[in-house]
Amino acid sequence: MTKVLSIISTKGGTGKTTLALNLAVAFREAKKTVVVLDLDPQATATAWSDQRGDADELSVLSCQHGRLPAVMQAAKENGADIVIIDTAPHSEAAALAAAKAADVILMPLRPEIFDLRAMANTLEMIAVAKKKPVAVLNAVPARGPKVLEAKTALEEMGLETAPVTIGHRAAFGYAAIASQGVTEYEAVGSAATEVRALQKWVTKRLVAA
């Protein structure tokens, strides 16, 4: 049965596409057939795939949110194990469509006060779909109290936070330039370890969904 993971944040700069593509590669390495649906008009994920020339069961398709049900049905009929929906910032319609389609929703955010304050709009869109997101702290600095402060703030808001945080690591940028995931670019690095850990945790949530 095809499972759907949506990456949603109506705020820009939270790392949605980076998270979507790196998780997609990690799922592929775990022998899953993966389709990424790129709902962002900037088509960053699609361009990454075009440069990659990937023919090994990792497909990235540009898709308007109005076409999402039809494209998802095609992915299911073609045997996709995992569909990952990468949404655009500042697009409530795309966020709502992705939320409705999702088995699991990840909401990436940086441990910064502006990201925490900007969550309200995203949460409203997800609530309309009668779903609950899981916050993923992304681009986390190596030192300092920000992670603990952000987790405390999220708990006070009643939001679940993924047990795996993703650090602010140069490997993500270098991997993107090479049109790779960090698990390919630097297989034994810290970034790869974090992505694999998050992928395994997400897998359990998808199975339970």
N, C-alpha and C. Protein backbone atom coordinates (compact mmCIF):
# COMPACT_ATOMS: atom_id res chain seq x y z
N MET A 1 0.83 -1.20 0.00
CA MET A 1 0.00 0.00 0.00
C MET A 1 0.87 1.25 0.00
N THR A 2 0.55 2.18 -0.89
CA THR A 2 1.31 3.42 -0.99
C THR A 2 1.04 4.31 0.23
N LYS A 3 2.11 4.84 0.80
CA LYS A 3 2.02 5.78 1.92
C LYS A 3 2.44 7.17 1.46
N VAL A 4 1.82 8.19 2.05
CA VAL A 4 2.05 9.56 1.61
C VAL A 4 2.62 10.39 2.76
N LEU A 5 3.76 11.00 2.50
CA LEU A 5 4.43 11.89 3.46
C LEU A 5 4.43 13.30 2.88
N SER A 6 3.80 14.23 3.57
CA SER A 6 3.78 15.62 3.10
C SER A 6 4.71 16.47 3.97
N ILE A 7 5.49 17.32 3.30
CA ILE A 7 6.38 18.26 3.97
C ILE A 7 5.76 19.64 3.81
N ILE A 8 5.28 20.21 4.90
CA ILE A 8 4.45 21.42 4.80
C ILE A 8 4.96 22.52 5.72
N SER A 9 5.14 23.68 5.16
CA SER A 9 5.33 24.91 5.92
C SER A 9 5.04 26.05 4.97
N THR A 10 4.15 26.95 5.37
CA THR A 10 3.85 28.09 4.50
C THR A 10 4.91 29.18 4.63
N LYS A 11 5.86 29.00 5.52
CA LYS A 11 7.00 29.92 5.63
C LYS A 11 8.13 29.46 4.73
N GLY A 12 8.77 30.38 4.05
CA GLY A 12 9.92 30.04 3.24
C GLY A 12 11.17 29.85 4.09
N GLY A 13 12.14 29.13 3.55
CA GLY A 13 13.44 29.01 4.20
C GLY A 13 13.52 28.02 5.34
N THR A 14 12.53 27.14 5.46
CA THR A 14 12.57 26.17 6.54
C THR A 14 13.26 24.87 6.16
N GLY A 15 13.57 24.70 4.88
CA GLY A 15 14.29 23.51 4.44
C GLY A 15 13.38 22.38 3.97
N LYS A 16 12.19 22.72 3.47
CA LYS A 16 11.24 21.69 3.02
C LYS A 16 11.81 20.82 1.91
N THR A 17 12.34 21.46 0.88
CA THR A 17 12.83 20.69 -0.27
C THR A 17 14.05 19.87 0.09
N THR A 18 14.95 20.45 0.86
CA THR A 18 16.13 19.70 1.30
C THR A 18 15.73 18.47 2.09
N LEU A 19 14.77 18.63 2.98
CA LEU A 19 14.30 17.50 3.78
C LEU A 19 13.61 16.46 2.89
N ALA A 20 12.75 16.92 1.98
CA ALA A 20 12.02 16.00 1.11
C ALA A 20 12.97 15.16 0.26
N LEU A 21 13.95 15.80 -0.35
CA LEU A 21 14.84 15.08 -1.25
C LEU A 21 15.79 14.15 -0.51
N ASN A 22 16.27 14.59 0.63
CA ASN A 22 17.17 13.72 1.39
C ASN A 22 16.44 12.51 1.97
N LEU A 23 15.21 12.72 2.41
CA LEU A 23 14.42 11.58 2.86
C LEU A 23 14.10 10.65 1.68
N ALA A 24 13.83 11.22 0.53
CA ALA A 24 13.55 10.40 -0.65
C ALA A 24 14.72 9.49 -0.99
N VAL A 25 15.92 10.03 -0.96
CA VAL A 25 17.11 9.22 -1.24
C VAL A 25 17.27 8.14 -0.18
N ALA A 26 17.04 8.50 1.07
CA ALA A 26 17.17 7.52 2.15
C ALA A 26 16.13 6.40 2.02
N PHE A 27 14.92 6.75 1.63
CA PHE A 27 13.91 5.72 1.39
C PHE A 27 14.31 4.83 0.21
N ARG A 28 14.84 5.43 -0.84
CA ARG A 28 15.29 4.65 -1.99
C ARG A 28 16.41 3.68 -1.58
N GLU A 29 17.32 4.16 -0.75
CA GLU A 29 18.40 3.29 -0.28
C GLU A 29 17.88 2.16 0.61
N ALA A 30 16.70 2.38 1.19
CA ALA A 30 16.05 1.34 1.99
C ALA A 30 15.17 0.43 1.12
N LYS A 31 15.40 0.50 -0.19
CA LYS A 31 14.74 -0.38 -1.17
C LYS A 31 13.25 -0.07 -1.36
N LYS A 32 12.88 1.19 -1.17
CA LYS A 32 11.51 1.60 -1.42
C LYS A 32 11.43 2.32 -2.77
N THR A 33 10.31 2.12 -3.46
CA THR A 33 10.05 2.86 -4.69
C THR A 33 9.45 4.21 -4.30
N VAL A 34 10.13 5.29 -4.67
CA VAL A 34 9.79 6.62 -4.17
C VAL A 34 9.41 7.55 -5.32
N VAL A 35 8.35 8.33 -5.10
CA VAL A 35 7.97 9.41 -6.01
C VAL A 35 7.87 10.69 -5.20
N VAL A 36 8.57 11.73 -5.65
CA VAL A 36 8.47 13.06 -5.03
C VAL A 36 7.60 13.92 -5.93
N LEU A 37 6.56 14.52 -5.36
CA LEU A 37 5.70 15.44 -6.10
C LEU A 37 6.05 16.86 -5.69
N ASP A 38 6.53 17.63 -6.64
CA ASP A 38 7.03 18.98 -6.43
C ASP A 38 5.92 19.97 -6.71
N LEU A 39 5.29 20.50 -5.65
CA LEU A 39 4.20 21.46 -5.80
C LEU A 39 4.67 22.90 -5.83
N ASP A 40 5.96 23.12 -5.72
CA ASP A 40 6.52 24.48 -5.69
C ASP A 40 6.71 24.98 -7.13
N PRO A 41 6.12 26.12 -7.51
CA PRO A 41 6.31 26.65 -8.87
C PRO A 41 7.78 26.90 -9.21
N GLN A 42 8.63 27.11 -8.21
CA GLN A 42 10.05 27.30 -8.50
C GLN A 42 10.72 26.00 -8.95
N ALA A 43 10.08 24.86 -8.65
CA ALA A 43 10.50 23.54 -9.15
C ALA A 43 11.95 23.21 -8.81
N THR A 44 12.38 23.56 -7.60
CA THR A 44 13.75 23.27 -7.18
C THR A 44 14.01 21.77 -7.15
N ALA A 45 13.07 21.02 -6.61
CA ALA A 45 13.24 19.56 -6.54
C ALA A 45 13.30 18.94 -7.93
N THR A 46 12.48 19.45 -8.83
CA THR A 46 12.47 18.93 -10.20
C THR A 46 13.80 19.20 -10.89
N ALA A 47 14.34 20.41 -10.71
CA ALA A 47 15.63 20.75 -11.30
C ALA A 47 16.73 19.85 -10.75
N TRP A 48 16.69 19.57 -9.44
CA TRP A 48 17.64 18.64 -8.81
C TRP A 48 17.59 17.28 -9.49
N SER A 49 16.38 16.80 -9.73
CA SER A 49 16.22 15.50 -10.37
C SER A 49 16.70 15.51 -11.81
N ASP A 50 16.41 16.60 -12.53
CA ASP A 50 16.85 16.70 -13.93
C ASP A 50 18.37 16.63 -14.03
N GLN A 51 19.06 17.30 -13.13
CA GLN A 51 20.52 17.27 -13.13
C GLN A 51 21.04 15.89 -12.74
N ARG A 52 20.29 15.21 -11.93
CA ARG A 52 20.71 13.91 -11.42
C ARG A 52 20.63 12.82 -12.49
N GLY A 53 19.60 12.93 -13.36
CA GLY A 53 19.42 11.90 -14.36
C GLY A 53 19.12 10.55 -13.72
N ASP A 54 18.26 10.56 -12.70
CA ASP A 54 18.02 9.38 -11.87
C ASP A 54 17.07 8.42 -12.55
N ALA A 55 17.47 7.18 -12.68
CA ALA A 55 16.61 6.15 -13.27
C ALA A 55 16.48 4.95 -12.35
N ASP A 56 16.68 5.15 -11.06
CA ASP A 56 16.70 4.02 -10.14
C ASP A 56 15.60 4.14 -9.09
N GLU A 57 14.37 4.29 -9.57
CA GLU A 57 13.19 4.24 -8.73
C GLU A 57 13.05 5.45 -7.80
N LEU A 58 13.65 6.56 -8.17
CA LEU A 58 13.41 7.82 -7.47
C LEU A 58 12.97 8.84 -8.50
N SER A 59 11.68 9.09 -8.57
CA SER A 59 11.11 9.99 -9.56
C SER A 59 10.68 11.29 -8.88
N VAL A 60 10.97 12.40 -9.53
CA VAL A 60 10.51 13.71 -9.06
C VAL A 60 9.66 14.32 -10.16
N LEU A 61 8.42 14.63 -9.83
CA LEU A 61 7.48 15.15 -10.82
C LEU A 61 6.95 16.51 -10.39
N SER A 62 7.02 17.48 -11.29
CA SER A 62 6.43 18.78 -11.02
C SER A 62 4.92 18.65 -11.17
N CYS A 63 4.18 19.24 -10.23
CA CYS A 63 2.74 19.00 -10.18
C CYS A 63 2.03 20.21 -9.60
N GLN A 64 0.98 20.69 -10.25
CA GLN A 64 0.13 21.72 -9.67
C GLN A 64 -0.78 21.07 -8.64
N HIS A 65 -1.08 21.82 -7.58
CA HIS A 65 -1.84 21.20 -6.49
C HIS A 65 -3.22 20.72 -6.94
N GLY A 66 -3.78 21.36 -7.96
CA GLY A 66 -5.07 20.92 -8.47
C GLY A 66 -5.02 19.56 -9.15
N ARG A 67 -3.85 19.17 -9.59
CA ARG A 67 -3.66 17.88 -10.25
C ARG A 67 -3.19 16.81 -9.28
N LEU A 68 -3.06 17.15 -8.01
CA LEU A 68 -2.46 16.23 -7.05
C LEU A 68 -3.19 14.89 -6.96
N PRO A 69 -4.53 14.84 -6.84
CA PRO A 69 -5.19 13.53 -6.73
C PRO A 69 -4.91 12.63 -7.93
N ALA A 70 -4.96 13.19 -9.13
CA ALA A 70 -4.74 12.36 -10.32
C ALA A 70 -3.31 11.86 -10.40
N VAL A 71 -2.34 12.72 -10.08
CA VAL A 71 -0.94 12.31 -10.14
C VAL A 71 -0.63 11.28 -9.05
N MET A 72 -1.21 11.48 -7.89
CA MET A 72 -1.01 10.50 -6.82
C MET A 72 -1.60 9.14 -7.19
N GLN A 73 -2.76 9.14 -7.83
CA GLN A 73 -3.37 7.89 -8.24
C GLN A 73 -2.48 7.17 -9.24
N ALA A 74 -1.88 7.93 -10.16
CA ALA A 74 -0.97 7.32 -11.14
C ALA A 74 0.25 6.73 -10.45
N ALA A 75 0.77 7.43 -9.44
CA ALA A 75 1.93 6.92 -8.71
C ALA A 75 1.58 5.62 -8.00
N LYS A 76 0.40 5.56 -7.41
CA LYS A 76 -0.03 4.34 -6.73
C LYS A 76 -0.18 3.19 -7.71
N GLU A 77 -0.78 3.47 -8.85
CA GLU A 77 -1.00 2.42 -9.85
C GLU A 77 0.31 1.91 -10.43
N ASN A 78 1.34 2.75 -10.37
CA ASN A 78 2.65 2.35 -10.88
C ASN A 78 3.55 1.76 -9.79
N GLY A 79 2.98 1.47 -8.64
CA GLY A 79 3.69 0.72 -7.62
C GLY A 79 4.56 1.52 -6.67
N ALA A 80 4.28 2.81 -6.50
CA ALA A 80 5.07 3.60 -5.56
C ALA A 80 4.82 3.12 -4.12
N ASP A 81 5.90 2.93 -3.38
CA ASP A 81 5.78 2.61 -1.96
C ASP A 81 5.56 3.87 -1.13
N ILE A 82 6.30 4.92 -1.50
CA ILE A 82 6.26 6.18 -0.76
C ILE A 82 6.07 7.33 -1.75
N VAL A 83 5.09 8.19 -1.48
CA VAL A 83 4.94 9.45 -2.19
C VAL A 83 5.28 10.56 -1.21
N ILE A 84 6.24 11.40 -1.57
CA ILE A 84 6.63 12.54 -0.74
C ILE A 84 6.18 13.81 -1.45
N ILE A 85 5.38 14.61 -0.77
CA ILE A 85 4.87 15.85 -1.36
C ILE A 85 5.65 17.03 -0.80
N ASP A 86 6.34 17.73 -1.70
CA ASP A 86 7.12 18.92 -1.34
C ASP A 86 6.30 20.15 -1.69
N THR A 87 5.91 20.94 -0.70
CA THR A 87 5.00 22.05 -0.93
C THR A 87 5.74 23.38 -1.07
N ALA A 88 5.02 24.34 -1.63
CA ALA A 88 5.57 25.68 -1.82
C ALA A 88 5.31 26.54 -0.59
N PRO A 89 6.20 27.49 -0.29
CA PRO A 89 5.88 28.47 0.75
C PRO A 89 4.82 29.45 0.24
N HIS A 90 4.10 30.05 1.16
CA HIS A 90 3.14 31.11 0.83
C HIS A 90 2.02 30.61 -0.08
N SER A 91 1.73 29.31 -0.05
CA SER A 91 0.64 28.77 -0.87
C SER A 91 -0.29 27.95 0.02
N GLU A 92 -1.36 28.59 0.47
CA GLU A 92 -2.29 27.91 1.35
C GLU A 92 -3.01 26.78 0.64
N ALA A 93 -3.33 26.98 -0.64
CA ALA A 93 -4.05 25.95 -1.39
C ALA A 93 -3.20 24.68 -1.52
N ALA A 94 -1.91 24.85 -1.82
CA ALA A 94 -1.02 23.70 -1.95
C ALA A 94 -0.84 23.01 -0.61
N ALA A 95 -0.71 23.80 0.46
CA ALA A 95 -0.54 23.22 1.79
C ALA A 95 -1.77 22.41 2.18
N LEU A 96 -2.95 22.93 1.90
CA LEU A 96 -4.17 22.23 2.25
C LEU A 96 -4.32 20.94 1.45
N ALA A 97 -4.01 20.99 0.15
CA ALA A 97 -4.10 19.79 -0.68
C ALA A 97 -3.14 18.72 -0.20
N ALA A 98 -1.91 19.13 0.14
CA ALA A 98 -0.91 18.17 0.62
C ALA A 98 -1.31 17.59 1.97
N ALA A 99 -1.88 18.42 2.83
CA ALA A 99 -2.31 17.95 4.15
C ALA A 99 -3.42 16.92 4.02
N LYS A 100 -4.38 17.18 3.16
CA LYS A 100 -5.50 16.25 2.97
C LYS A 100 -5.02 14.89 2.45
N ALA A 101 -3.97 14.91 1.63
CA ALA A 101 -3.49 13.68 1.01
C ALA A 101 -2.58 12.85 1.92
N ALA A 102 -2.10 13.45 3.00
CA ALA A 102 -0.99 12.86 3.78
C ALA A 102 -1.43 11.79 4.76
N ASP A 103 -0.58 10.79 4.90
CA ASP A 103 -0.66 9.86 6.02
C ASP A 103 0.13 10.41 7.21
N VAL A 104 1.26 11.06 6.90
CA VAL A 104 2.09 11.71 7.92
C VAL A 104 2.50 13.08 7.39
N ILE A 105 2.46 14.09 8.24
CA ILE A 105 2.88 15.44 7.87
C ILE A 105 4.07 15.85 8.71
N LEU A 106 5.15 16.25 8.05
CA LEU A 106 6.29 16.84 8.73
C LEU A 106 6.28 18.34 8.49
N MET A 107 6.49 19.09 9.54
CA MET A 107 6.53 20.54 9.46
C MET A 107 7.93 21.00 9.90
N PRO A 108 8.83 21.20 8.94
CA PRO A 108 10.18 21.62 9.32
C PRO A 108 10.21 23.07 9.77
N LEU A 109 11.04 23.34 10.75
CA LEU A 109 11.25 24.71 11.18
C LEU A 109 12.62 24.83 11.83
N ARG A 110 13.17 25.99 11.71
CA ARG A 110 14.46 26.27 12.35
C ARG A 110 14.18 26.70 13.80
N PRO A 111 15.09 26.43 14.70
CA PRO A 111 14.87 26.80 16.10
C PRO A 111 15.11 28.30 16.32
N GLU A 112 14.30 29.09 15.62
CA GLU A 112 14.39 30.55 15.69
C GLU A 112 13.02 31.10 16.03
N ILE A 113 12.98 32.21 16.71
CA ILE A 113 11.72 32.79 17.16
C ILE A 113 10.82 33.13 15.98
N PHE A 114 11.40 33.57 14.85
CA PHE A 114 10.57 33.94 13.70
C PHE A 114 9.88 32.72 13.09
N ASP A 115 10.57 31.58 13.07
CA ASP A 115 9.94 30.36 12.56
C ASP A 115 8.82 29.91 13.49
N LEU A 116 9.06 30.01 14.79
CA LEU A 116 8.04 29.60 15.75
C LEU A 116 6.80 30.49 15.64
N ARG A 117 7.01 31.78 15.45
CA ARG A 117 5.88 32.70 15.33
C ARG A 117 5.12 32.51 14.03
N ALA A 118 5.84 32.05 13.00
CA ALA A 118 5.22 31.91 11.68
C ALA A 118 4.45 30.60 11.51
N MET A 119 4.46 29.75 12.52
CA MET A 119 3.80 28.44 12.40
C MET A 119 2.29 28.53 12.36
N ALA A 120 1.72 29.60 12.88
CA ALA A 120 0.27 29.67 13.06
C ALA A 120 -0.48 29.44 11.75
N ASN A 121 -0.02 30.06 10.68
CA ASN A 121 -0.72 29.92 9.40
C ASN A 121 -0.66 28.47 8.90
N THR A 122 0.51 27.86 9.04
CA THR A 122 0.65 26.46 8.62
C THR A 122 -0.27 25.56 9.42
N LEU A 123 -0.31 25.77 10.72
CA LEU A 123 -1.14 24.95 11.58
C LEU A 123 -2.62 25.11 11.25
N GLU A 124 -3.02 26.31 10.88
CA GLU A 124 -4.42 26.54 10.50
C GLU A 124 -4.78 25.73 9.26
N MET A 125 -3.88 25.70 8.25
CA MET A 125 -4.13 24.95 7.03
C MET A 125 -4.24 23.45 7.33
N ILE A 126 -3.36 22.96 8.15
CA ILE A 126 -3.35 21.53 8.48
C ILE A 126 -4.59 21.17 9.29
N ALA A 127 -5.01 22.08 10.16
CA ALA A 127 -6.19 21.82 10.98
C ALA A 127 -7.45 21.72 10.12
N VAL A 128 -7.52 22.49 9.06
CA VAL A 128 -8.66 22.42 8.15
C VAL A 128 -8.79 21.02 7.57
N ALA A 129 -7.64 20.37 7.34
CA ALA A 129 -7.62 19.01 6.81
C ALA A 129 -7.84 17.96 7.90
N LYS A 130 -8.02 18.42 9.13
CA LYS A 130 -8.23 17.53 10.28
C LYS A 130 -7.05 16.56 10.47
N LYS A 131 -5.87 17.11 10.33
CA LYS A 131 -4.64 16.35 10.52
C LYS A 131 -3.78 17.04 11.58
N LYS A 132 -2.80 16.28 12.09
CA LYS A 132 -1.85 16.83 13.05
C LYS A 132 -0.43 16.64 12.51
N PRO A 133 0.36 17.72 12.48
CA PRO A 133 1.73 17.61 11.97
C PRO A 133 2.70 17.19 13.07
N VAL A 134 3.86 16.78 12.64
CA VAL A 134 4.98 16.55 13.55
C VAL A 134 6.05 17.59 13.19
N ALA A 135 6.45 18.39 14.14
CA ALA A 135 7.49 19.39 13.90
C ALA A 135 8.85 18.71 13.82
N VAL A 136 9.67 19.15 12.86
CA VAL A 136 11.04 18.67 12.73
C VAL A 136 11.97 19.87 12.83
N LEU A 137 12.79 19.89 13.87
CA LEU A 137 13.76 20.99 14.00
C LEU A 137 14.87 20.78 13.01
N ASN A 138 15.07 21.80 12.17
CA ASN A 138 15.97 21.70 11.02
C ASN A 138 17.02 22.81 11.09
N ALA A 139 18.17 22.55 10.47
CA ALA A 139 19.27 23.53 10.46
C ALA A 139 19.62 23.96 11.88
N VAL A 140 19.71 22.98 12.76
CA VAL A 140 19.97 23.23 14.18
C VAL A 140 21.46 23.55 14.39
N PRO A 141 21.77 24.62 15.11
CA PRO A 141 23.18 24.95 15.36
C PRO A 141 23.84 23.91 16.26
N ALA A 142 25.15 23.77 16.10
CA ALA A 142 25.89 22.74 16.83
C ALA A 142 25.89 23.00 18.33
N ARG A 143 25.86 24.25 18.74
CA ARG A 143 25.91 24.58 20.16
C ARG A 143 24.85 25.61 20.50
N GLY A 144 24.54 25.69 21.78
CA GLY A 144 23.61 26.70 22.26
C GLY A 144 22.30 26.10 22.71
N PRO A 145 21.48 26.92 23.36
CA PRO A 145 20.25 26.43 23.99
C PRO A 145 19.03 26.44 23.08
N LYS A 146 19.20 26.78 21.79
CA LYS A 146 18.03 27.02 20.95
C LYS A 146 17.15 25.78 20.78
N VAL A 147 17.78 24.60 20.69
CA VAL A 147 16.98 23.38 20.48
C VAL A 147 16.06 23.14 21.67
N LEU A 148 16.62 23.20 22.86
CA LEU A 148 15.82 22.98 24.06
C LEU A 148 14.72 24.03 24.18
N GLU A 149 15.06 25.27 23.88
CA GLU A 149 14.07 26.34 23.96
C GLU A 149 12.94 26.11 22.95
N ALA A 150 13.31 25.69 21.73
CA ALA A 150 12.29 25.45 20.70
C ALA A 150 11.42 24.26 21.07
N LYS A 151 12.02 23.18 21.57
CA LYS A 151 11.24 22.01 21.96
C LYS A 151 10.27 22.36 23.08
N THR A 152 10.73 23.15 24.03
CA THR A 152 9.86 23.57 25.13
C THR A 152 8.68 24.38 24.61
N ALA A 153 8.97 25.30 23.68
CA ALA A 153 7.90 26.12 23.11
C ALA A 153 6.89 25.27 22.35
N LEU A 154 7.38 24.29 21.60
CA LEU A 154 6.49 23.41 20.84
C LEU A 154 5.63 22.55 21.76
N GLU A 155 6.23 22.07 22.83
CA GLU A 155 5.47 21.27 23.80
C GLU A 155 4.38 22.11 24.45
N GLU A 156 4.70 23.36 24.75
CA GLU A 156 3.70 24.24 25.36
C GLU A 156 2.55 24.52 24.40
N MET A 157 2.83 24.44 23.10
CA MET A 157 1.79 24.63 22.09
C MET A 157 1.03 23.35 21.81
N GLY A 158 1.46 22.25 22.42
CA GLY A 158 0.79 20.97 22.20
C GLY A 158 1.19 20.27 20.93
N LEU A 159 2.34 20.64 20.37
CA LEU A 159 2.80 20.05 19.11
C LEU A 159 3.80 18.92 19.37
N GLU A 160 3.63 17.84 18.67
CA GLU A 160 4.61 16.76 18.74
C GLU A 160 5.87 17.16 17.97
N THR A 161 7.02 16.80 18.50
CA THR A 161 8.29 17.08 17.84
C THR A 161 9.00 15.77 17.55
N ALA A 162 9.51 15.61 16.35
CA ALA A 162 10.24 14.40 16.00
C ALA A 162 11.45 14.24 16.91
N PRO A 163 11.78 13.02 17.30
CA PRO A 163 12.90 12.80 18.20
C PRO A 163 14.25 13.04 17.53
N VAL A 164 14.27 13.13 16.21
CA VAL A 164 15.52 13.36 15.46
C VAL A 164 15.55 14.81 15.00
N THR A 165 16.63 15.51 15.30
CA THR A 165 16.83 16.86 14.78
C THR A 165 17.87 16.82 13.67
N ILE A 166 17.77 17.78 12.75
CA ILE A 166 18.68 17.85 11.61
C ILE A 166 19.59 19.06 11.80
N GLY A 167 20.89 18.81 11.84
CA GLY A 167 21.84 19.87 12.12
C GLY A 167 22.09 20.78 10.93
N HIS A 168 22.63 21.95 11.24
CA HIS A 168 23.05 22.91 10.20
C HIS A 168 24.43 22.47 9.71
N ARG A 169 24.45 21.72 8.63
CA ARG A 169 25.69 21.09 8.18
C ARG A 169 25.98 21.41 6.72
N ALA A 170 27.25 21.68 6.43
CA ALA A 170 27.66 22.04 5.07
C ALA A 170 27.39 20.91 4.08
N ALA A 171 27.35 19.68 4.54
CA ALA A 171 27.15 18.54 3.64
C ALA A 171 25.86 18.66 2.85
N PHE A 172 24.83 19.27 3.43
CA PHE A 172 23.57 19.41 2.70
C PHE A 172 23.74 20.29 1.46
N GLY A 173 24.48 21.38 1.62
CA GLY A 173 24.72 22.26 0.48
C GLY A 173 25.57 21.60 -0.59
N TYR A 174 26.64 20.93 -0.18
CA TYR A 174 27.51 20.25 -1.15
C TYR A 174 26.76 19.14 -1.87
N ALA A 175 25.93 18.39 -1.15
CA ALA A 175 25.15 17.32 -1.76
C ALA A 175 24.17 17.87 -2.79
N ALA A 176 23.54 19.00 -2.46
CA ALA A 176 22.58 19.61 -3.39
C ALA A 176 23.27 20.04 -4.68
N ILE A 177 24.46 20.60 -4.56
CA ILE A 177 25.21 21.02 -5.75
C ILE A 177 25.49 19.82 -6.65
N ALA A 178 25.75 18.68 -6.04
CA ALA A 178 26.04 17.46 -6.79
C ALA A 178 24.76 16.69 -7.17
N SER A 179 23.59 17.26 -6.86
CA SER A 179 22.30 16.60 -7.10
C SER A 179 22.26 15.23 -6.44
N GLN A 180 22.68 15.21 -5.18
CA GLN A 180 22.68 13.99 -4.39
C GLN A 180 22.00 14.23 -3.05
N GLY A 181 21.70 13.14 -2.37
CA GLY A 181 21.34 13.22 -0.96
C GLY A 181 22.60 13.13 -0.14
N VAL A 182 22.55 13.56 1.11
CA VAL A 182 23.75 13.51 1.94
C VAL A 182 24.18 12.07 2.23
N THR A 183 23.24 11.13 2.18
CA THR A 183 23.60 9.73 2.39
C THR A 183 24.40 9.17 1.23
N GLU A 184 24.33 9.84 0.08
CA GLU A 184 25.16 9.47 -1.07
C GLU A 184 26.47 10.25 -1.07
N TYR A 185 26.34 11.54 -0.77
CA TYR A 185 27.51 12.42 -0.85
C TYR A 185 28.54 12.11 0.22
N GLU A 186 28.08 11.87 1.45
CA GLU A 186 28.97 11.64 2.58
C GLU A 186 28.32 10.58 3.46
N ALA A 187 28.42 9.34 3.03
CA ALA A 187 27.59 8.26 3.58
C ALA A 187 27.79 8.03 5.08
N VAL A 188 28.97 8.34 5.60
CA VAL A 188 29.23 8.08 7.02
C VAL A 188 29.28 9.37 7.83
N GLY A 189 28.85 10.48 7.25
CA GLY A 189 28.89 11.75 7.95
C GLY A 189 27.73 11.93 8.92
N SER A 190 27.81 12.99 9.71
CA SER A 190 26.77 13.28 10.70
C SER A 190 25.43 13.59 10.04
N ALA A 191 25.45 14.34 8.94
CA ALA A 191 24.20 14.67 8.25
C ALA A 191 23.50 13.41 7.76
N ALA A 192 24.28 12.50 7.18
CA ALA A 192 23.71 11.24 6.70
C ALA A 192 23.13 10.42 7.84
N THR A 193 23.81 10.40 8.95
CA THR A 193 23.34 9.66 10.12
C THR A 193 22.00 10.21 10.60
N GLU A 194 21.87 11.53 10.63
CA GLU A 194 20.62 12.15 11.07
C GLU A 194 19.48 11.86 10.10
N VAL A 195 19.76 11.97 8.80
CA VAL A 195 18.72 11.71 7.80
C VAL A 195 18.25 10.27 7.86
N ARG A 196 19.17 9.34 7.99
CA ARG A 196 18.77 7.93 8.09
C ARG A 196 17.93 7.68 9.35
N ALA A 197 18.31 8.32 10.44
CA ALA A 197 17.55 8.14 11.68
C ALA A 197 16.14 8.70 11.53
N LEU A 198 16.01 9.85 10.88
CA LEU A 198 14.69 10.43 10.67
C LEU A 198 13.87 9.56 9.72
N GLN A 199 14.51 9.03 8.68
CA GLN A 199 13.81 8.16 7.73
C GLN A 199 13.27 6.92 8.43
N LYS A 200 14.05 6.34 9.31
CA LYS A 200 13.59 5.14 10.04
C LYS A 200 12.43 5.48 10.96
N TRP A 201 12.49 6.64 11.60
CA TRP A 201 11.39 7.05 12.48
C TRP A 201 10.13 7.32 11.66
N VAL A 202 10.27 8.01 10.52
CA VAL A 202 9.13 8.29 9.66
C VAL A 202 8.51 6.99 9.14
N THR A 203 9.36 6.03 8.80
CA THR A 203 8.87 4.73 8.33
C THR A 203 7.92 4.10 9.33
N LYS A 204 8.29 4.12 10.59
CA LYS A 204 7.43 3.56 11.64
C LYS A 204 6.10 4.30 11.72
N ARG A 205 6.13 5.62 11.56
CA ARG A 205 4.90 6.41 11.61
C ARG A 205 4.01 6.10 10.40
N LEU A 206 4.63 5.94 9.25
CA LEU A 206 3.86 5.64 8.04
C LEU A 206 3.22 4.26 8.13
N VAL A 207 3.95 3.31 8.67
CA VAL A 207 3.40 1.95 8.82
C VAL A 207 2.20 1.96 9.76
N ALA A 208 2.29 2.79 10.79
CA ALA A 208 1.22 2.85 11.79
C ALA A 208 0.03 3.68 11.33
N ALA A 209 0.24 4.49 10.30
CA ALA A 209 -0.83 5.42 9.85
C ALA A 209 -1.98 4.68 9.17
